[in-house]
Amino acid sequence: MARNLIPIPALAVALAPGAVLAHPGPHDGGGLAQGLAHALGSADHLIALVALALVLAPAAALALQRRAARRAGRRRARR
């Protein structure tokens, strides 16, 4: 069921891009490249991204292990 809900936020962002501006003002509207450069170019944003990656890495590793175990179980069941 969760897979069906993923397109809803993406659609909302696509239909209302001005609502998701983090820094509205005269410098908005630079596009995707400028937004990525801003996130990776400023120290506060970069620290936040690294901290988030460190927090989420164990959960991602666990999810990958579970996925591999499910696939292995399916392969054994087919034999």
PDB file of N, CA and C in Angstrom:
ATOM      1  N   MET A   1       0.819  -1.191   0.000  1.00  0.00           N
ATOM      2  CA  MET A   1       0.000   0.000   0.000  1.00  0.00           C
ATOM      3  C   MET A   1       0.865   1.258   0.000  1.00  0.00           C
ATOM      4  N   ALA A   2       2.003   1.214   0.657  1.00  0.00           N
ATOM      5  CA  ALA A   2       2.860   2.393   0.729  1.00  0.00           C
ATOM      6  C   ALA A   2       3.395   2.775  -0.641  1.00  0.00           C
ATOM      7  N   ARG A   3       3.576   1.810  -1.520  1.00  0.00           N
ATOM      8  CA  ARG A   3       4.069   2.122  -2.866  1.00  0.00           C
ATOM      9  C   ARG A   3       3.100   3.018  -3.625  1.00  0.00           C
ATOM     10  N   ASN A   4       1.834   2.861  -3.375  1.00  0.00           N
ATOM     11  CA  ASN A   4       0.836   3.655  -4.078  1.00  0.00           C
ATOM     12  C   ASN A   4       0.827   5.103  -3.627  1.00  0.00           C
ATOM     13  N   LEU A   5       1.361   5.403  -2.447  1.00  0.00           N
ATOM     14  CA  LEU A   5       1.341   6.764  -1.925  1.00  0.00           C
ATOM     15  C   LEU A   5       2.536   7.597  -2.372  1.00  0.00           C
ATOM     16  N   ILE A   6       3.560   6.989  -2.938  1.00  0.00           N
ATOM     17  CA  ILE A   6       4.771   7.716  -3.325  1.00  0.00           C
ATOM     18  C   ILE A   6       4.495   8.782  -4.381  1.00  0.00           C
ATOM     19  N   PRO A   7       3.709   8.527  -5.409  1.00  0.00           N
ATOM     20  CA  PRO A   7       3.504   9.560  -6.431  1.00  0.00           C
ATOM     21  C   PRO A   7       2.742  10.788  -5.944  1.00  0.00           C
ATOM     22  N   ILE A   8       2.000  10.681  -4.859  1.00  0.00           N
ATOM     23  CA  ILE A   8       1.194  11.814  -4.402  1.00  0.00           C
ATOM     24  C   ILE A   8       2.067  13.005  -3.993  1.00  0.00           C
ATOM     25  N   PRO A   9       3.093  12.832  -3.123  1.00  0.00           N
ATOM     26  CA  PRO A   9       3.945  13.992  -2.806  1.00  0.00           C
ATOM     27  C   PRO A   9       4.712  14.510  -4.022  1.00  0.00           C
ATOM     28  N   ALA A  10       5.141  13.618  -4.887  1.00  0.00           N
ATOM     29  CA  ALA A  10       5.854  14.049  -6.090  1.00  0.00           C
ATOM     30  C   ALA A  10       4.943  14.894  -6.971  1.00  0.00           C
ATOM     31  N   LEU A  11       3.710  14.503  -7.094  1.00  0.00           N
ATOM     32  CA  LEU A  11       2.750  15.266  -7.882  1.00  0.00           C
ATOM     33  C   LEU A  11       2.485  16.624  -7.251  1.00  0.00           C
ATOM     34  N   ALA A  12       2.375  16.664  -5.934  1.00  0.00           N
ATOM     35  CA  ALA A  12       2.141  17.931  -5.241  1.00  0.00           C
ATOM     36  C   ALA A  12       3.301  18.894  -5.443  1.00  0.00           C
ATOM     37  N   VAL A  13       4.519  18.385  -5.378  1.00  0.00           N
ATOM     38  CA  VAL A  13       5.693  19.232  -5.586  1.00  0.00           C
ATOM     39  C   VAL A  13       5.748  19.723  -7.026  1.00  0.00           C
ATOM     40  N   ALA A  14       5.400  18.855  -7.952  1.00  0.00           N
ATOM     41  CA  ALA A  14       5.424  19.250  -9.361  1.00  0.00           C
ATOM     42  C   ALA A  14       4.387  20.324  -9.673  1.00  0.00           C
ATOM     43  N   LEU A  15       3.253  20.264  -8.993  1.00  0.00           N
ATOM     44  CA  LEU A  15       2.185  21.224  -9.270  1.00  0.00           C
ATOM     45  C   LEU A  15       2.347  22.548  -8.519  1.00  0.00           C
ATOM     46  N   ALA A  16       3.117  22.547  -7.433  1.00  0.00           N
ATOM     47  CA  ALA A  16       3.289  23.759  -6.633  1.00  0.00           C
ATOM     48  C   ALA A  16       4.757  23.969  -6.277  1.00  0.00           C
ATOM     49  N   PRO A  17       5.628  24.208  -7.259  1.00  0.00           N
ATOM     50  CA  PRO A  17       7.052  24.332  -6.952  1.00  0.00           C
ATOM     51  C   PRO A  17       7.376  25.537  -6.077  1.00  0.00           C
ATOM     52  N   GLY A  18       6.613  26.586  -6.139  1.00  0.00           N
ATOM     53  CA  GLY A  18       6.885  27.759  -5.324  1.00  0.00           C
ATOM     54  C   GLY A  18       6.659  27.522  -3.842  1.00  0.00           C
ATOM     55  N   ALA A  19       5.841  26.544  -3.514  1.00  0.00           N
ATOM     56  CA  ALA A  19       5.536  26.266  -2.112  1.00  0.00           C
ATOM     57  C   ALA A  19       6.680  25.570  -1.395  1.00  0.00           C
ATOM     58  N   VAL A  20       7.618  25.011  -2.134  1.00  0.00           N
ATOM     59  CA  VAL A  20       8.701  24.260  -1.500  1.00  0.00           C
ATOM     60  C   VAL A  20      10.025  25.031  -1.505  1.00  0.00           C
ATOM     61  N   LEU A  21       9.993  26.297  -1.825  1.00  0.00           N
ATOM     62  CA  LEU A  21      11.220  27.077  -1.819  1.00  0.00           C
ATOM     63  C   LEU A  21      11.704  27.269  -0.388  1.00  0.00           C
ATOM     64  N   ALA A  22      12.951  26.904  -0.143  1.00  0.00           N
ATOM     65  CA  ALA A  22      13.498  27.045   1.199  1.00  0.00           C
ATOM     66  C   ALA A  22      13.937  28.477   1.468  1.00  0.00           C
ATOM     67  N   HIS A  23      14.389  29.167   0.436  1.00  0.00           N
ATOM     68  CA  HIS A  23      14.899  30.526   0.584  1.00  0.00           C
ATOM     69  C   HIS A  23      14.246  31.424  -0.467  1.00  0.00           C
ATOM     70  N   PRO A  24      12.983  31.776  -0.282  1.00  0.00           N
ATOM     71  CA  PRO A  24      12.331  32.622  -1.278  1.00  0.00           C
ATOM     72  C   PRO A  24      12.940  34.024  -1.286  1.00  0.00           C
ATOM     73  N   GLY A  25      12.858  34.648  -2.396  1.00  0.00           N
ATOM     74  CA  GLY A  25      13.413  35.989  -2.522  1.00  0.00           C
ATOM     75  C   GLY A  25      13.895  36.228  -3.939  1.00  0.00           C
ATOM     76  N   PRO A  26      14.775  37.196  -4.114  1.00  0.00           N
ATOM     77  CA  PRO A  26      15.207  37.536  -5.466  1.00  0.00           C
ATOM     78  C   PRO A  26      16.088  36.475  -6.116  1.00  0.00           C
ATOM     79  N   HIS A  27      16.633  35.552  -5.340  1.00  0.00           N
ATOM     80  CA  HIS A  27      17.524  34.548  -5.898  1.00  0.00           C
ATOM     81  C   HIS A  27      16.836  33.210  -6.153  1.00  0.00           C
ATOM     82  N   ASP A  28      15.514  33.139  -6.021  1.00  0.00           N
ATOM     83  CA  ASP A  28      14.860  31.865  -6.304  1.00  0.00           C
ATOM     84  C   ASP A  28      14.692  31.692  -7.811  1.00  0.00           C
ATOM     85  N   GLY A  29      14.531  30.479  -8.231  1.00  0.00           N
ATOM     86  CA  GLY A  29      14.334  30.202  -9.645  1.00  0.00           C
ATOM     87  C   GLY A  29      15.618  29.868 -10.375  1.00  0.00           C
ATOM     88  N   GLY A  30      16.624  29.403  -9.671  1.00  0.00           N
ATOM     89  CA  GLY A  30      17.877  29.040 -10.315  1.00  0.00           C
ATOM     90  C   GLY A  30      17.849  27.673 -10.935  1.00  0.00           C
ATOM     91  N   GLY A  31      16.863  26.887 -10.598  1.00  0.00           N
ATOM     92  CA  GLY A  31      16.750  25.561 -11.168  1.00  0.00           C
ATOM     93  C   GLY A  31      17.379  24.484 -10.301  1.00  0.00           C
ATOM     94  N   LEU A  32      17.345  23.285 -10.821  1.00  0.00           N
ATOM     95  CA  LEU A  32      17.825  22.130 -10.082  1.00  0.00           C
ATOM     96  C   LEU A  32      19.328  22.202  -9.824  1.00  0.00           C
ATOM     97  N   ALA A  33      20.096  22.572 -10.815  1.00  0.00           N
ATOM     98  CA  ALA A  33      21.554  22.618 -10.665  1.00  0.00           C
ATOM     99  C   ALA A  33      21.969  23.614  -9.581  1.00  0.00           C
ATOM    100  N   GLN A  34      21.356  24.768  -9.565  1.00  0.00           N
ATOM    101  CA  GLN A  34      21.688  25.754  -8.540  1.00  0.00           C
ATOM    102  C   GLN A  34      21.247  25.267  -7.165  1.00  0.00           C
ATOM    103  N   GLY A  35      20.144  24.587  -7.083  1.00  0.00           N
ATOM    104  CA  GLY A  35      19.683  24.053  -5.806  1.00  0.00           C
ATOM    105  C   GLY A  35      20.622  22.987  -5.254  1.00  0.00           C
ATOM    106  N   LEU A  36      21.104  22.102  -6.122  1.00  0.00           N
ATOM    107  CA  LEU A  36      22.054  21.083  -5.675  1.00  0.00           C
ATOM    108  C   LEU A  36      23.385  21.704  -5.300  1.00  0.00           C
ATOM    109  N   ALA A  37      23.831  22.679  -6.059  1.00  0.00           N
ATOM    110  CA  ALA A  37      25.092  23.348  -5.742  1.00  0.00           C
ATOM    111  C   ALA A  37      24.986  24.071  -4.396  1.00  0.00           C
ATOM    112  N   HIS A  38      23.840  24.644  -4.110  1.00  0.00           N
ATOM    113  CA  HIS A  38      23.638  25.330  -2.836  1.00  0.00           C
ATOM    114  C   HIS A  38      23.711  24.348  -1.671  1.00  0.00           C
ATOM    115  N   ALA A  39      23.081  23.188  -1.836  1.00  0.00           N
ATOM    116  CA  ALA A  39      23.074  22.196  -0.761  1.00  0.00           C
ATOM    117  C   ALA A  39      24.460  21.608  -0.525  1.00  0.00           C
ATOM    118  N   LEU A  40      25.237  21.446  -1.558  1.00  0.00           N
ATOM    119  CA  LEU A  40      26.562  20.849  -1.412  1.00  0.00           C
ATOM    120  C   LEU A  40      27.652  21.884  -1.213  1.00  0.00           C
ATOM    121  N   GLY A  41      27.368  23.143  -1.451  1.00  0.00           N
ATOM    122  CA  GLY A  41      28.383  24.181  -1.374  1.00  0.00           C
ATOM    123  C   GLY A  41      28.460  24.917  -0.053  1.00  0.00           C
ATOM    124  N   SER A  42      27.423  24.838   0.746  1.00  0.00           N
ATOM    125  CA  SER A  42      27.459  25.545   2.029  1.00  0.00           C
ATOM    126  C   SER A  42      27.688  24.539   3.154  1.00  0.00           C
ATOM    127  N   ALA A  43      28.503  24.915   4.116  1.00  0.00           N
ATOM    128  CA  ALA A  43      28.923  23.993   5.171  1.00  0.00           C
ATOM    129  C   ALA A  43      27.749  23.500   6.021  1.00  0.00           C
ATOM    130  N   ASP A  44      26.808  24.380   6.352  1.00  0.00           N
ATOM    131  CA  ASP A  44      25.702  23.947   7.206  1.00  0.00           C
ATOM    132  C   ASP A  44      24.838  22.893   6.529  1.00  0.00           C
ATOM    133  N   HIS A  45      24.597  23.061   5.236  1.00  0.00           N
ATOM    134  CA  HIS A  45      23.807  22.070   4.506  1.00  0.00           C
ATOM    135  C   HIS A  45      24.582  20.764   4.357  1.00  0.00           C
ATOM    136  N   LEU A  46      25.864  20.868   4.083  1.00  0.00           N
ATOM    137  CA  LEU A  46      26.687  19.674   3.907  1.00  0.00           C
ATOM    138  C   LEU A  46      26.771  18.874   5.204  1.00  0.00           C
ATOM    139  N   ILE A  47      26.920  19.547   6.327  1.00  0.00           N
ATOM    140  CA  ILE A  47      26.962  18.861   7.625  1.00  0.00           C
ATOM    141  C   ILE A  47      25.631  18.150   7.888  1.00  0.00           C
ATOM    142  N   ALA A  48      24.540  18.803   7.568  1.00  0.00           N
ATOM    143  CA  ALA A  48      23.229  18.184   7.771  1.00  0.00           C
ATOM    144  C   ALA A  48      23.063  16.950   6.883  1.00  0.00           C
ATOM    145  N   LEU A  49      23.529  17.009   5.644  1.00  0.00           N
ATOM    146  CA  LEU A  49      23.419  15.864   4.744  1.00  0.00           C
ATOM    147  C   LEU A  49      24.270  14.693   5.231  1.00  0.00           C
ATOM    148  N   VAL A  50      25.469  14.967   5.697  1.00  0.00           N
ATOM    149  CA  VAL A  50      26.341  13.902   6.207  1.00  0.00           C
ATOM    150  C   VAL A  50      25.740  13.297   7.478  1.00  0.00           C
ATOM    151  N   ALA A  51      25.224  14.129   8.369  1.00  0.00           N
ATOM    152  CA  ALA A  51      24.609  13.623   9.590  1.00  0.00           C
ATOM    153  C   ALA A  51      23.400  12.742   9.268  1.00  0.00           C
ATOM    154  N   LEU A  52      22.604  13.156   8.322  1.00  0.00           N
ATOM    155  CA  LEU A  52      21.444  12.364   7.920  1.00  0.00           C
ATOM    156  C   LEU A  52      21.870  11.031   7.333  1.00  0.00           C
ATOM    157  N   ALA A  53      22.915  11.043   6.523  1.00  0.00           N
ATOM    158  CA  ALA A  53      23.417   9.796   5.951  1.00  0.00           C
ATOM    159  C   ALA A  53      23.919   8.855   7.035  1.00  0.00           C
ATOM    160  N   LEU A  54      24.610   9.389   8.034  1.00  0.00           N
ATOM    161  CA  LEU A  54      25.114   8.550   9.127  1.00  0.00           C
ATOM    162  C   LEU A  54      23.985   7.953   9.953  1.00  0.00           C
ATOM    163  N   VAL A  55      22.921   8.698  10.110  1.00  0.00           N
ATOM    164  CA  VAL A  55      21.777   8.203  10.885  1.00  0.00           C
ATOM    165  C   VAL A  55      21.011   7.139  10.100  1.00  0.00           C
ATOM    166  N   LEU A  56      20.860   7.331   8.794  1.00  0.00           N
ATOM    167  CA  LEU A  56      20.042   6.421   7.995  1.00  0.00           C
ATOM    168  C   LEU A  56      20.798   5.224   7.451  1.00  0.00           C
ATOM    169  N   ALA A  57      22.130   5.235   7.477  1.00  0.00           N
ATOM    170  CA  ALA A  57      22.919   4.138   6.912  1.00  0.00           C
ATOM    171  C   ALA A  57      22.602   2.790   7.555  1.00  0.00           C
ATOM    172  N   PRO A  58      22.505   2.687   8.875  1.00  0.00           N
ATOM    173  CA  PRO A  58      22.176   1.375   9.454  1.00  0.00           C
ATOM    174  C   PRO A  58      20.800   0.855   9.020  1.00  0.00           C
ATOM    175  N   ALA A  59      19.838   1.728   8.913  1.00  0.00           N
ATOM    176  CA  ALA A  59      18.504   1.302   8.481  1.00  0.00           C
ATOM    177  C   ALA A  59      18.536   0.835   7.028  1.00  0.00           C
ATOM    178  N   ALA A  60      19.301   1.528   6.194  1.00  0.00           N
ATOM    179  CA  ALA A  60      19.413   1.132   4.794  1.00  0.00           C
ATOM    180  C   ALA A  60      20.119  -0.209   4.663  1.00  0.00           C
ATOM    181  N   ALA A  61      21.165  -0.421   5.455  1.00  0.00           N
ATOM    182  CA  ALA A  61      21.877  -1.697   5.419  1.00  0.00           C
ATOM    183  C   ALA A  61      20.960  -2.837   5.848  1.00  0.00           C
ATOM    184  N   LEU A  62      20.170  -2.616   6.879  1.00  0.00           N
ATOM    185  CA  LEU A  62      19.235  -3.638   7.345  1.00  0.00           C
ATOM    186  C   LEU A  62      18.191  -3.950   6.274  1.00  0.00           C
ATOM    187  N   ALA A  63      17.694  -2.917   5.616  1.00  0.00           N
ATOM    188  CA  ALA A  63      16.709  -3.125   4.553  1.00  0.00           C
ATOM    189  C   ALA A  63      17.304  -3.926   3.398  1.00  0.00           C
ATOM    190  N   LEU A  64      18.552  -3.639   3.044  1.00  0.00           N
ATOM    191  CA  LEU A  64      19.202  -4.390   1.972  1.00  0.00           C
ATOM    192  C   LEU A  64      19.424  -5.846   2.366  1.00  0.00           C
ATOM    193  N   GLN A  65      19.779  -6.093   3.620  1.00  0.00           N
ATOM    194  CA  GLN A  65      19.958  -7.467   4.086  1.00  0.00           C
ATOM    195  C   GLN A  65      18.635  -8.232   4.044  1.00  0.00           C
ATOM    196  N   ARG A  66      17.575  -7.589   4.472  1.00  0.00           N
ATOM    197  CA  ARG A  66      16.265  -8.246   4.446  1.00  0.00           C
ATOM    198  C   ARG A  66      15.825  -8.539   3.021  1.00  0.00           C
ATOM    199  N   ARG A  67      16.089  -7.605   2.127  1.00  0.00           N
ATOM    200  CA  ARG A  67      15.726  -7.805   0.728  1.00  0.00           C
ATOM    201  C   ARG A  67      16.500  -8.977   0.136  1.00  0.00           C
ATOM    202  N   ALA A  68      17.800  -9.053   0.440  1.00  0.00           N
ATOM    203  CA  ALA A  68      18.612 -10.166  -0.059  1.00  0.00           C
ATOM    204  C   ALA A  68      18.128 -11.494   0.510  1.00  0.00           C
ATOM    205  N   ALA A  69      17.735 -11.509   1.775  1.00  0.00           N
ATOM    206  CA  ALA A  69      17.235 -12.739   2.386  1.00  0.00           C
ATOM    207  C   ALA A  69      15.922 -13.180   1.742  1.00  0.00           C
ATOM    208  N   ARG A  70      15.052 -12.233   1.439  1.00  0.00           N
ATOM    209  CA  ARG A  70      13.788 -12.573   0.761  1.00  0.00           C
ATOM    210  C   ARG A  70      14.042 -13.154  -0.617  1.00  0.00           C
ATOM    211  N   ARG A  71      14.979 -12.536  -1.345  1.00  0.00           N
ATOM    212  CA  ARG A  71      15.298 -13.050  -2.682  1.00  0.00           C
ATOM    213  C   ARG A  71      15.882 -14.452  -2.610  1.00  0.00           C
ATOM    214  N   ALA A  72      16.754 -14.675  -1.635  1.00  0.00           N
ATOM    215  CA  ALA A  72      17.350 -15.998  -1.467  1.00  0.00           C
ATOM    216  C   ALA A  72      16.269 -17.022  -1.124  1.00  0.00           C
ATOM    217  N   GLY A  73      15.308 -16.630  -0.304  1.00  0.00           N
ATOM    218  CA  GLY A  73      14.212 -17.525   0.045  1.00  0.00           C
ATOM    219  C   GLY A  73      13.352 -17.864  -1.149  1.00  0.00           C
ATOM    220  N   ARG A  74      13.115 -16.883  -2.005  1.00  0.00           N
ATOM    221  CA  ARG A  74      12.327 -17.134  -3.218  1.00  0.00           C
ATOM    222  C   ARG A  74      13.070 -18.076  -4.167  1.00  0.00           C
ATOM    223  N   ARG A  75      14.384 -17.899  -4.270  1.00  0.00           N
ATOM    224  CA  ARG A  75      15.162 -18.772  -5.152  1.00  0.00           C
ATOM    225  C   ARG A  75      15.120 -20.215  -4.635  1.00  0.00           C
ATOM    226  N   ARG A  76      15.232 -20.387  -3.313  1.00  0.00           N
ATOM    227  CA  ARG A  76      15.174 -21.726  -2.749  1.00  0.00           C
ATOM    228  C   ARG A  76      13.797 -22.348  -2.957  1.00  0.00           C
ATOM    229  N   ALA A  77      12.759 -21.540  -2.882  1.00  0.00           N
ATOM    230  CA  ALA A  77      11.396 -22.056  -3.039  1.00  0.00           C
ATOM    231  C   ALA A  77      11.144 -22.505  -4.479  1.00  0.00           C
ATOM    232  N   ARG A  78      11.795 -21.890  -5.443  1.00  0.00           N
ATOM    233  CA  ARG A  78      11.595 -22.241  -6.851  1.00  0.00           C
ATOM    234  C   ARG A  78      12.257 -23.573  -7.205  1.00  0.00           C
ATOM    235  N   ARG A  79      13.261 -23.960  -6.459  1.00  0.00           N
ATOM    236  CA  ARG A  79      14.006 -25.184  -6.787  1.00  0.00           C
ATOM    237  C   ARG A  79      13.264 -26.413  -6.409  1.00  0.00           C
TER     238      ARG A  79
END
